[in-house]
């Protein structure tokens, strides 16, 4: 399917998709799970706590989609975690719409000024995380760390998070651009990682993108039990920057060959991942 057709289908389906995700997220009682509201934007229910990482609606990113009723749909959020200030992760429209709710906000220092300037969040509800220092909110413990978003052609500061709940440990490293795992802190055994697919700036049309081997080696070195690959079909990007199913198949095959013990799956907008 051509990109223009995929985008049009996504536009038509998004409102129903959003409603389905929010209904499921708001009603779940027992199972730990994550839902994608866009390419790499997460609603989570873990240990009885409802929370989010970089919550974003496709209506903010792509024109021609009706804006959801954020304040009503997300009223059960207990806290929100932000990672960095790129437009496909920071939805200021959504944030401002729910800023009046009794939500705790985990906002790194490197993006704090922008969020405060553009939204009406009460500063008393903001927690500024410090890398390496764990935070416990409800049943969830977060350990922030300096992520690896810089590459040879640019990048911005980003905070990644180790997340612990119900005796499970998952990693949300964010938009990794420097695949040198030695620059990350040490992580104990990981039940899973949400890996944002990126194989080289401007190389999405390449038959074999230049960072393929680096991506595979990086995540294999972290040795998670499960690897959930996301950041697929981010329609706000140029076509040479947009990663899709064929790129997932490419990395999945290589990871299975390099580290067969790792379970590899993809997760796209609207999907639920049981944790």
C-alpha atoms as a PDB file:
ATOM      1  CA  UNK A   1       0.000   0.000   0.000  1.00  0.00           C
ATOM      2  CA  UNK A   2       1.295   3.463  -0.911  1.00  0.00           C
ATOM      3  CA  UNK A   3       2.103   5.884   1.916  1.00  0.00           C
ATOM      4  CA  UNK A   4      -0.684   8.284   0.916  1.00  0.00           C
ATOM      5  CA  UNK A   5      -3.214   5.441   1.077  1.00  0.00           C
ATOM      6  CA  UNK A   6      -1.910   4.210   4.443  1.00  0.00           C
ATOM      7  CA  UNK A   7      -2.194   7.722   5.830  1.00  0.00           C
ATOM      8  CA  UNK A   8      -5.746   8.170   4.564  1.00  0.00           C
ATOM      9  CA  UNK A   9      -6.776   4.840   6.084  1.00  0.00           C
ATOM     10  CA  UNK A  10      -5.183   5.835   9.391  1.00  0.00           C
ATOM     11  CA  UNK A  11      -7.059   9.148   9.353  1.00  0.00           C
ATOM     12  CA  UNK A  12     -10.395   7.422   8.817  1.00  0.00           C
ATOM     13  CA  UNK A  13      -9.805   4.802  11.479  1.00  0.00           C
ATOM     14  CA  UNK A  14      -8.184   6.905  14.193  1.00  0.00           C
ATOM     15  CA  UNK A  15     -11.240   8.152  16.088  1.00  0.00           C
ATOM     16  CA  UNK A  16     -12.642   4.635  16.480  1.00  0.00           C
ATOM     17  CA  UNK A  17      -9.171   3.341  17.300  1.00  0.00           C
ATOM     18  CA  UNK A  18      -8.678   5.963  20.013  1.00  0.00           C
ATOM     19  CA  UNK A  19     -12.090   5.163  21.523  1.00  0.00           C
ATOM     20  CA  UNK A  20     -11.306   1.446  21.589  1.00  0.00           C
ATOM     21  CA  UNK A  21      -7.919   1.970  23.238  1.00  0.00           C
ATOM     22  CA  UNK A  22      -9.311   4.328  25.872  1.00  0.00           C
ATOM     23  CA  UNK A  23     -12.232   2.040  26.675  1.00  0.00           C
ATOM     24  CA  UNK A  24      -9.856  -0.883  27.195  1.00  0.00           C
ATOM     25  CA  UNK A  25      -7.329   1.144  29.188  1.00  0.00           C
ATOM     26  CA  UNK A  26      -9.987   2.654  31.455  1.00  0.00           C
ATOM     27  CA  UNK A  27     -11.711  -0.676  32.135  1.00  0.00           C
ATOM     28  CA  UNK A  28      -8.780  -3.058  32.685  1.00  0.00           C
ATOM     29  CA  UNK A  29      -8.630  -4.394  36.258  1.00  0.00           C
ATOM     30  CA  UNK A  30      -5.877  -6.983  36.552  1.00  0.00           C
ATOM     31  CA  UNK A  31      -3.508  -7.530  33.607  1.00  0.00           C
ATOM     32  CA  UNK A  32      -0.441  -5.303  33.227  1.00  0.00           C
ATOM     33  CA  UNK A  33      -0.487  -3.793  29.749  1.00  0.00           C
ATOM     34  CA  UNK A  34       0.528  -0.920  27.474  1.00  0.00           C
ATOM     35  CA  UNK A  35      -1.409   0.630  24.580  1.00  0.00           C
ATOM     36  CA  UNK A  36      -0.039   2.765  21.757  1.00  0.00           C
ATOM     37  CA  UNK A  37      -1.990   5.943  21.004  1.00  0.00           C
ATOM     38  CA  UNK A  38       0.434   6.746  18.169  1.00  0.00           C
ATOM     39  CA  UNK A  39       3.767   5.450  16.877  1.00  0.00           C
ATOM     40  CA  UNK A  40       5.652   5.422  20.212  1.00  0.00           C
ATOM     41  CA  UNK A  41       3.298   6.959  22.753  1.00  0.00           C
ATOM     42  CA  UNK A  42       2.027   4.855  25.603  1.00  0.00           C
ATOM     43  CA  UNK A  43      -0.874   4.507  27.978  1.00  0.00           C
ATOM     44  CA  UNK A  44      -0.093   1.966  30.699  1.00  0.00           C
ATOM     45  CA  UNK A  45      -1.890   0.023  33.380  1.00  0.00           C
ATOM     46  CA  UNK A  46       0.560  -1.642  35.749  1.00  0.00           C
ATOM     47  CA  UNK A  47      -0.037  -2.898  39.259  1.00  0.00           C
ATOM     48  CA  UNK A  48      -3.376  -1.117  39.356  1.00  0.00           C
ATOM     49  CA  UNK A  49      -1.920   2.267  38.321  1.00  0.00           C
ATOM     50  CA  UNK A  50      -2.989   4.109  35.163  1.00  0.00           C
ATOM     51  CA  UNK A  51      -0.261   6.285  33.702  1.00  0.00           C
ATOM     52  CA  UNK A  52       1.379   7.371  30.441  1.00  0.00           C
ATOM     53  CA  UNK A  53       4.670   7.944  28.694  1.00  0.00           C
ATOM     54  CA  UNK A  54       4.687  10.722  26.083  1.00  0.00           C
ATOM     55  CA  UNK A  55       0.899  10.648  25.564  1.00  0.00           C
ATOM     56  CA  UNK A  56       0.008  11.927  22.101  1.00  0.00           C
ATOM     57  CA  UNK A  57      -2.927  11.903  19.726  1.00  0.00           C
ATOM     58  CA  UNK A  58      -2.551  11.545  15.988  1.00  0.00           C
ATOM     59  CA  UNK A  59      -4.997  14.461  15.700  1.00  0.00           C
ATOM     60  CA  UNK A  60      -2.239  16.760  16.971  1.00  0.00           C
ATOM     61  CA  UNK A  61       0.397  15.363  14.626  1.00  0.00           C
ATOM     62  CA  UNK A  62      -1.676  14.953  11.425  1.00  0.00           C
ATOM     63  CA  UNK A  63      -4.325  17.313  10.027  1.00  0.00           C
ATOM     64  CA  UNK A  64      -7.840  16.130   9.246  1.00  0.00           C
ATOM     65  CA  UNK A  65      -8.568  14.122  12.409  1.00  0.00           C
ATOM     66  CA  UNK A  66     -11.120  15.073  15.032  1.00  0.00           C
ATOM     67  CA  UNK A  67      -9.525  15.937  18.377  1.00  0.00           C
ATOM     68  CA  UNK A  68     -10.561  13.537  21.180  1.00  0.00           C
ATOM     69  CA  UNK A  69     -12.104  14.687  24.455  1.00  0.00           C
ATOM     70  CA  UNK A  70      -8.802  14.454  26.288  1.00  0.00           C
ATOM     71  CA  UNK A  71     -10.031  15.693  29.676  1.00  0.00           C
ATOM     72  CA  UNK A  72     -12.774  13.069  29.865  1.00  0.00           C
ATOM     73  CA  UNK A  73     -10.905  10.212  28.203  1.00  0.00           C
ATOM     74  CA  UNK A  74      -7.775  10.608  30.342  1.00  0.00           C
ATOM     75  CA  UNK A  75      -9.366  11.568  33.650  1.00  0.00           C
ATOM     76  CA  UNK A  76      -8.118   8.352  35.284  1.00  0.00           C
ATOM     77  CA  UNK A  77      -4.446   9.167  34.714  1.00  0.00           C
ATOM     78  CA  UNK A  78      -2.426   9.193  37.924  1.00  0.00           C
ATOM     79  CA  UNK A  79       0.835  10.426  36.441  1.00  0.00           C
ATOM     80  CA  UNK A  80       2.448  11.284  33.117  1.00  0.00           C
ATOM     81  CA  UNK A  81       6.101  10.758  32.165  1.00  0.00           C
ATOM     82  CA  UNK A  82       7.777  12.833  29.443  1.00  0.00           C
ATOM     83  CA  UNK A  83      11.004  11.930  27.649  1.00  0.00           C
ATOM     84  CA  UNK A  84      11.941  14.669  25.165  1.00  0.00           C
ATOM     85  CA  UNK A  85      10.610  17.623  23.213  1.00  0.00           C
ATOM     86  CA  UNK A  86      10.250  16.316  19.647  1.00  0.00           C
ATOM     87  CA  UNK A  87       6.817  16.855  18.098  1.00  0.00           C
ATOM     88  CA  UNK A  88       5.993  13.150  17.820  1.00  0.00           C
ATOM     89  CA  UNK A  89       6.488  12.740  21.577  1.00  0.00           C
ATOM     90  CA  UNK A  90       5.414  16.045  23.111  1.00  0.00           C
ATOM     91  CA  UNK A  91       1.717  16.776  22.556  1.00  0.00           C
ATOM     92  CA  UNK A  92       1.236  20.207  24.114  1.00  0.00           C
ATOM     93  CA  UNK A  93      -2.411  20.293  22.986  1.00  0.00           C
ATOM     94  CA  UNK A  94      -3.183  17.110  24.900  1.00  0.00           C
ATOM     95  CA  UNK A  95      -1.132  18.167  27.926  1.00  0.00           C
ATOM     96  CA  UNK A  96      -2.844  21.544  28.217  1.00  0.00           C
ATOM     97  CA  UNK A  97      -6.269  19.906  27.909  1.00  0.00           C
ATOM     98  CA  UNK A  98      -5.623  17.694  30.967  1.00  0.00           C
ATOM     99  CA  UNK A  99      -3.396  20.078  32.945  1.00  0.00           C
ATOM    100  CA  UNK A 100      -6.237  20.864  35.373  1.00  0.00           C
ATOM    101  CA  UNK A 101      -6.637  17.214  36.377  1.00  0.00           C
ATOM    102  CA  UNK A 102      -5.026  15.885  39.603  1.00  0.00           C
ATOM    103  CA  UNK A 103      -2.070  14.361  37.739  1.00  0.00           C
ATOM    104  CA  UNK A 104       1.599  14.205  38.734  1.00  0.00           C
ATOM    105  CA  UNK A 105       3.951  15.187  35.909  1.00  0.00           C
ATOM    106  CA  UNK A 106       7.458  13.747  35.523  1.00  0.00           C
ATOM    107  CA  UNK A 107       9.176  16.357  33.331  1.00  0.00           C
ATOM    108  CA  UNK A 108      12.949  16.351  32.726  1.00  0.00           C
ATOM    109  CA  UNK A 109      14.804  19.617  33.256  1.00  0.00           C
ATOM    110  CA  UNK A 110      15.815  19.811  29.579  1.00  0.00           C
ATOM    111  CA  UNK A 111      12.195  20.265  28.466  1.00  0.00           C
ATOM    112  CA  UNK A 112      10.642  21.823  31.563  1.00  0.00           C
ATOM    113  CA  UNK A 113      10.711  25.442  30.391  1.00  0.00           C
ATOM    114  CA  UNK A 114       8.950  24.624  27.112  1.00  0.00           C
ATOM    115  CA  UNK A 115       6.170  22.666  28.819  1.00  0.00           C
ATOM    116  CA  UNK A 116       5.563  25.309  31.493  1.00  0.00           C
ATOM    117  CA  UNK A 117       5.522  28.082  28.900  1.00  0.00           C
ATOM    118  CA  UNK A 118       3.027  26.341  26.598  1.00  0.00           C
ATOM    119  CA  UNK A 119       0.627  24.752  29.119  1.00  0.00           C
ATOM    120  CA  UNK A 120      -1.168  25.632  32.342  1.00  0.00           C
ATOM    121  CA  UNK A 121       0.254  22.787  34.459  1.00  0.00           C
ATOM    122  CA  UNK A 122       0.436  23.671  38.145  1.00  0.00           C
ATOM    123  CA  UNK A 123       4.145  23.669  39.033  1.00  0.00           C
ATOM    124  CA  UNK A 124       3.297  22.007  42.352  1.00  0.00           C
ATOM    125  CA  UNK A 125       2.304  18.889  40.396  1.00  0.00           C
ATOM    126  CA  UNK A 126       5.641  18.636  38.582  1.00  0.00           C
ATOM    127  CA  UNK A 127       8.456  16.310  39.590  1.00  0.00           C
ATOM    128  CA  UNK A 128      11.795  16.926  37.877  1.00  0.00           C
ATOM    129  CA  UNK A 129      13.581  13.571  37.692  1.00  0.00           C
ATOM    130  CA  UNK A 130      17.283  13.159  38.411  1.00  0.00           C
ATOM    131  CA  UNK A 131      19.171  10.545  36.415  1.00  0.00           C
ATOM    132  CA  UNK A 132      19.895   7.470  38.487  1.00  0.00           C
ATOM    133  CA  UNK A 133      17.507   8.387  41.320  1.00  0.00           C
ATOM    134  CA  UNK A 134      14.401   6.202  41.503  1.00  0.00           C
ATOM    135  CA  UNK A 135      10.889   7.583  41.938  1.00  0.00           C
ATOM    136  CA  UNK A 136       7.930   5.573  43.203  1.00  0.00           C
ATOM    137  CA  UNK A 137       4.433   6.622  42.179  1.00  0.00           C
ATOM    138  CA  UNK A 138       1.638   4.294  43.183  1.00  0.00           C
ATOM    139  CA  UNK A 139       2.753   0.778  42.311  1.00  0.00           C
ATOM    140  CA  UNK A 140       5.374   1.930  39.782  1.00  0.00           C
ATOM    141  CA  UNK A 141       9.053   2.686  40.329  1.00  0.00           C
ATOM    142  CA  UNK A 142      10.814   4.760  37.665  1.00  0.00           C
ATOM    143  CA  UNK A 143      14.566   5.117  37.346  1.00  0.00           C
ATOM    144  CA  UNK A 144      15.463   7.851  34.847  1.00  0.00           C
ATOM    145  CA  UNK A 145      18.695   7.896  32.872  1.00  0.00           C
ATOM    146  CA  UNK A 146      20.374   9.971  30.186  1.00  0.00           C
ATOM    147  CA  UNK A 147      19.312   8.389  26.900  1.00  0.00           C
ATOM    148  CA  UNK A 148      21.289   8.357  23.654  1.00  0.00           C
ATOM    149  CA  UNK A 149      19.383  10.644  21.291  1.00  0.00           C
ATOM    150  CA  UNK A 150      22.390  12.395  19.730  1.00  0.00           C
ATOM    151  CA  UNK A 151      23.920  11.187  16.476  1.00  0.00           C
ATOM    152  CA  UNK A 152      26.416  12.580  13.964  1.00  0.00           C
ATOM    153  CA  UNK A 153      23.830  14.836  12.302  1.00  0.00           C
ATOM    154  CA  UNK A 154      22.044  16.171  15.369  1.00  0.00           C
ATOM    155  CA  UNK A 155      19.697  15.216  18.194  1.00  0.00           C
ATOM    156  CA  UNK A 156      18.374  16.634  21.462  1.00  0.00           C
ATOM    157  CA  UNK A 157      18.508  15.729  25.140  1.00  0.00           C
ATOM    158  CA  UNK A 158      16.305  12.843  26.142  1.00  0.00           C
ATOM    159  CA  UNK A 159      15.506  10.934  29.317  1.00  0.00           C
ATOM    160  CA  UNK A 160      14.916   7.195  29.269  1.00  0.00           C
ATOM    161  CA  UNK A 161      13.247   5.212  32.048  1.00  0.00           C
ATOM    162  CA  UNK A 162      13.592   1.826  33.684  1.00  0.00           C
ATOM    163  CA  UNK A 163      10.141   0.874  34.951  1.00  0.00           C
ATOM    164  CA  UNK A 164       9.497  -1.655  37.738  1.00  0.00           C
ATOM    165  CA  UNK A 165       6.089  -3.043  38.755  1.00  0.00           C
ATOM    166  CA  UNK A 166       4.732  -6.387  39.987  1.00  0.00           C
ATOM    167  CA  UNK A 167       8.274  -7.838  40.137  1.00  0.00           C
ATOM    168  CA  UNK A 168       8.780  -6.982  36.455  1.00  0.00           C
ATOM    169  CA  UNK A 169      11.374  -4.692  34.914  1.00  0.00           C
ATOM    170  CA  UNK A 170      10.805  -2.995  31.558  1.00  0.00           C
ATOM    171  CA  UNK A 171      12.973  -0.474  29.770  1.00  0.00           C
ATOM    172  CA  UNK A 172      11.755   2.553  27.816  1.00  0.00           C
ATOM    173  CA  UNK A 173      15.016   3.949  26.424  1.00  0.00           C
ATOM    174  CA  UNK A 174      13.273   6.275  23.970  1.00  0.00           C
ATOM    175  CA  UNK A 175      14.581   7.363  20.585  1.00  0.00           C
ATOM    176  CA  UNK A 176      18.038   5.832  20.622  1.00  0.00           C
ATOM    177  CA  UNK A 177      20.348   7.276  17.943  1.00  0.00           C
ATOM    178  CA  UNK A 178      23.751   6.228  19.281  1.00  0.00           C
ATOM    179  CA  UNK A 179      23.866   2.446  19.462  1.00  0.00           C
ATOM    180  CA  UNK A 180      26.694   2.153  21.991  1.00  0.00           C
ATOM    181  CA  UNK A 181      25.211   0.154  24.855  1.00  0.00           C
ATOM    182  CA  UNK A 182      28.299   0.800  27.013  1.00  0.00           C
ATOM    183  CA  UNK A 183      27.107   4.399  27.419  1.00  0.00           C
ATOM    184  CA  UNK A 184      23.936   3.268  29.200  1.00  0.00           C
ATOM    185  CA  UNK A 185      23.803   2.473  32.925  1.00  0.00           C
ATOM    186  CA  UNK A 186      23.809  -1.151  34.007  1.00  0.00           C
ATOM    187  CA  UNK A 187      20.376  -2.774  34.043  1.00  0.00           C
ATOM    188  CA  UNK A 188      19.555  -5.958  35.889  1.00  0.00           C
ATOM    189  CA  UNK A 189      17.603  -8.662  34.076  1.00  0.00           C
ATOM    190  CA  UNK A 190      14.982  -7.044  31.864  1.00  0.00           C
ATOM    191  CA  UNK A 191      11.593  -8.593  31.226  1.00  0.00           C
ATOM    192  CA  UNK A 192      11.269  -6.420  28.160  1.00  0.00           C
ATOM    193  CA  UNK A 193      12.241  -3.324  26.199  1.00  0.00           C
ATOM    194  CA  UNK A 194      10.181  -1.015  24.022  1.00  0.00           C
ATOM    195  CA  UNK A 195      12.611  -0.322  21.169  1.00  0.00           C
ATOM    196  CA  UNK A 196      11.956   2.667  18.898  1.00  0.00           C
ATOM    197  CA  UNK A 197      13.012   1.661  15.411  1.00  0.00           C
ATOM    198  CA  UNK A 198      15.618   3.879  13.736  1.00  0.00           C
ATOM    199  CA  UNK A 199      18.176   2.644  11.210  1.00  0.00           C
ATOM    200  CA  UNK A 200      19.857   5.857  10.072  1.00  0.00           C
ATOM    201  CA  UNK A 201      18.731   9.391   9.266  1.00  0.00           C
ATOM    202  CA  UNK A 202      17.279   9.660   5.764  1.00  0.00           C
ATOM    203  CA  UNK A 203      17.816   5.963   4.986  1.00  0.00           C
ATOM    204  CA  UNK A 204      14.318   4.470   5.238  1.00  0.00           C
ATOM    205  CA  UNK A 205      14.270   3.781   1.486  1.00  0.00           C
ATOM    206  CA  UNK A 206      17.568   1.894   1.557  1.00  0.00           C
ATOM    207  CA  UNK A 207      17.400  -1.840   0.937  1.00  0.00           C
ATOM    208  CA  UNK A 208      19.750  -2.342   3.890  1.00  0.00           C
ATOM    209  CA  UNK A 209      19.902   0.800   6.073  1.00  0.00           C
ATOM    210  CA  UNK A 210      23.307   1.615   7.557  1.00  0.00           C
ATOM    211  CA  UNK A 211      22.403   1.264  11.245  1.00  0.00           C
ATOM    212  CA  UNK A 212      20.754  -2.155  10.938  1.00  0.00           C
ATOM    213  CA  UNK A 213      23.629  -4.105  12.492  1.00  0.00           C
ATOM    214  CA  UNK A 214      24.114  -1.474  15.208  1.00  0.00           C
ATOM    215  CA  UNK A 215      20.412  -1.644  16.152  1.00  0.00           C
ATOM    216  CA  UNK A 216      20.551  -5.426  16.407  1.00  0.00           C
ATOM    217  CA  UNK A 217      23.790  -5.520  18.422  1.00  0.00           C
ATOM    218  CA  UNK A 218      22.580  -2.811  20.790  1.00  0.00           C
ATOM    219  CA  UNK A 219      19.368  -4.561  21.809  1.00  0.00           C
ATOM    220  CA  UNK A 220      20.916  -8.026  21.783  1.00  0.00           C
ATOM    221  CA  UNK A 221      23.555  -6.769  24.234  1.00  0.00           C
ATOM    222  CA  UNK A 222      20.836  -5.663  26.677  1.00  0.00           C
ATOM    223  CA  UNK A 223      19.455  -9.236  26.656  1.00  0.00           C
ATOM    224  CA  UNK A 224      15.768  -8.635  27.393  1.00  0.00           C
ATOM    225  CA  UNK A 225      13.367 -11.563  27.512  1.00  0.00           C
ATOM    226  CA  UNK A 226      11.103  -9.626  25.124  1.00  0.00           C
ATOM    227  CA  UNK A 227      11.683  -6.865  22.600  1.00  0.00           C
ATOM    228  CA  UNK A 228       8.674  -4.828  21.463  1.00  0.00           C
ATOM    229  CA  UNK A 229       9.553  -2.768  18.393  1.00  0.00           C
ATOM    230  CA  UNK A 230       7.622   0.460  17.947  1.00  0.00           C
ATOM    231  CA  UNK A 231       7.946   3.871  16.248  1.00  0.00           C
ATOM    232  CA  UNK A 232       6.449   2.389  13.089  1.00  0.00           C
ATOM    233  CA  UNK A 233       4.197   4.357  10.693  1.00  0.00           C
ATOM    234  CA  UNK A 234       4.997   7.766  12.180  1.00  0.00           C
ATOM    235  CA  UNK A 235       3.129   9.574   9.423  1.00  0.00           C
ATOM    236  CA  UNK A 236       4.458  13.007  10.347  1.00  0.00           C
ATOM    237  CA  UNK A 237       7.848  12.095   8.869  1.00  0.00           C
ATOM    238  CA  UNK A 238       9.199  12.349   5.346  1.00  0.00           C
ATOM    239  CA  UNK A 239       9.134   9.037   3.497  1.00  0.00           C
ATOM    240  CA  UNK A 240      12.908   8.564   3.794  1.00  0.00           C
ATOM    241  CA  UNK A 241      12.528   8.850   7.600  1.00  0.00           C
ATOM    242  CA  UNK A 242       9.463   6.644   8.030  1.00  0.00           C
ATOM    243  CA  UNK A 243       9.978   3.116   9.345  1.00  0.00           C
ATOM    244  CA  UNK A 244       7.321   0.503   8.603  1.00  0.00           C
ATOM    245  CA  UNK A 245       6.552  -3.225   8.481  1.00  0.00           C
ATOM    246  CA  UNK A 246       9.316  -4.074   6.027  1.00  0.00           C
ATOM    247  CA  UNK A 247      11.907  -2.532   8.355  1.00  0.00           C
ATOM    248  CA  UNK A 248      10.450  -4.452  11.279  1.00  0.00           C
ATOM    249  CA  UNK A 249      10.737  -7.703   9.327  1.00  0.00           C
ATOM    250  CA  UNK A 250      14.352  -6.874   8.518  1.00  0.00           C
ATOM    251  CA  UNK A 251      15.409  -6.255  12.121  1.00  0.00           C
ATOM    252  CA  UNK A 252      13.271  -9.082  13.482  1.00  0.00           C
ATOM    253  CA  UNK A 253      15.013 -11.598  11.236  1.00  0.00           C
ATOM    254  CA  UNK A 254      18.453 -10.297  12.220  1.00  0.00           C
ATOM    255  CA  UNK A 255      17.681 -10.298  15.959  1.00  0.00           C
ATOM    256  CA  UNK A 256      16.314 -13.842  15.800  1.00  0.00           C
ATOM    257  CA  UNK A 257      19.588 -14.898  14.162  1.00  0.00           C
ATOM    258  CA  UNK A 258      21.826 -12.992  16.594  1.00  0.00           C
ATOM    259  CA  UNK A 259      19.897 -13.662  19.818  1.00  0.00           C
ATOM    260  CA  UNK A 260      17.300 -16.424  19.347  1.00  0.00           C
ATOM    261  CA  UNK A 261      16.307 -16.373  23.028  1.00  0.00           C
ATOM    262  CA  UNK A 262      14.784 -12.880  22.669  1.00  0.00           C
ATOM    263  CA  UNK A 263      11.086 -12.824  21.775  1.00  0.00           C
ATOM    264  CA  UNK A 264      10.588 -10.090  19.160  1.00  0.00           C
ATOM    265  CA  UNK A 265       7.221  -8.528  18.324  1.00  0.00           C
ATOM    266  CA  UNK A 266       6.023  -5.278  16.820  1.00  0.00           C
ATOM    267  CA  UNK A 267       3.429  -2.910  18.263  1.00  0.00           C
ATOM    268  CA  UNK A 268       1.742  -0.167  16.237  1.00  0.00           C
ATOM    269  CA  UNK A 269      -0.788   2.555  16.840  1.00  0.00           C
ATOM    270  CA  UNK A 270      -3.934   1.179  18.480  1.00  0.00           C
ATOM    271  CA  UNK A 271      -2.328  -2.055  19.651  1.00  0.00           C
ATOM    272  CA  UNK A 272      -2.237  -3.474  23.181  1.00  0.00           C
ATOM    273  CA  UNK A 273       0.852  -5.164  24.623  1.00  0.00           C
ATOM    274  CA  UNK A 274       0.413  -7.430  27.635  1.00  0.00           C
ATOM    275  CA  UNK A 275       3.414  -6.931  29.914  1.00  0.00           C
END
